Amino acid sequence: MTAAAPAVPVDEREALDAYSSAVIAVVERLAPSVASLRVTRAGGRGPLAVGLGSAVALTPDGFLLTSAHVVAGRGSAGQAAFTDGREVRFRVIGRDTLSDLAVLRAEADDLPPAELGDAEGLRVGQLVVAIGNPHGFAGSVTAGVVSALGRALPVRSRRGGRVIDNVIQTDAALNPGNSGGALADSRGRVVGVNTALAGVGLGLAVPVNELTRSVIAALMKEGRVRRGYLGIAGGPRPLPPRVRADWPTGTGLEVVEVVAGSPAERAGLRAEDLIVEVAGSPVVSVEALQRRVGAESIGVPLEIAVLRGGDVLRLTVVPTELPDDAR
């Protein structure tokens, strides 16, 4: 006689039901706003299929949010398919490789928009649900928890590397087709855009926060994002003990490379300089410098405090705009 399977305790069944109910509620609310993308590019004999991805409806009149790498390349367009069975054409309005975000415009005026949340309120261990389009199957859902916050995702530009800061790490399983899909909290609010695999069972998502909202708004309005440019590469380094009383953060940004002809070179910055302050704000990382040198700083003289040898120097740098061909 075959032994009967052990009964699941009532309290465990109730917990499972509560977990399932939470995930189902997110899916029912958000899935209609998530599109499956088939990306094409113009070819000599007509459109060429170049990739798959996902996107999230931002507005009823057709604005969609996805990952920049999903729609990389000139002339990208394609079809967006929704869970109600309809397919609509889309075109790329703007893409920003340095945040890995892009905005599309679909030929529709009645899309169900998703609600954007705020990743700043996430906590490690919090339930999150990833909804996207792995391998072209629309409406795929995985659930997990926030594994870590504050991760950095390196991206490359033609003038060196940058990082997307405060990236969300999750154990909700992601596949390549999930890129551009929604990472949602338990209330169905989009708190991230799935962007990359970090390893088996791990995924990364660009957070939806004040900074990325400004990127999205700029892409919707102007099709591009303006950024300040200094022309340096560097990394964090502990400050010498003798100056920590003046900069109690204990860390500065060491310059490892200065681009020839850049605003940094014109200001007198050199390799091995240790940047500790920009315009009165401490600089402890590349991310901190990026936040300080934004669109509002273009053409504006900024005072930089630098440790060089045993001296503290105060230099003035005037950021220029990072050109599109450098991204």
Foldseek 3Di string as FASTA:
>chain_A
DDDDDDDDDPVVVVVVVVVVVLQVLLLVQFQQQKWKWFKWAADPVGTDGDAIAMWGAAALQFKIKFFQVRQDDPRIWTWIAGPVGDIWTKDWLAHDQQLRMTIIGTRGRGGDHAAADALVPFDFFFKKKQAFAAPNNHGDIFIWTFHDWFDWAWDAWLLGIDIQTGKTKTLGDDHPRSGNTFIAGSNNHGQFGWHAAPDHSMTITRGDHPVVVVVVVCCVPPRGFKWWDAAFDWFKDFDPPVCCVVVVVRIFTFTQDGDPPGLNVVQPDDGRKTWQDKQRHGHGGSVVVRVVGGPVQAQPWIWIWIDDPNDTDITITHTHIDDPNRD
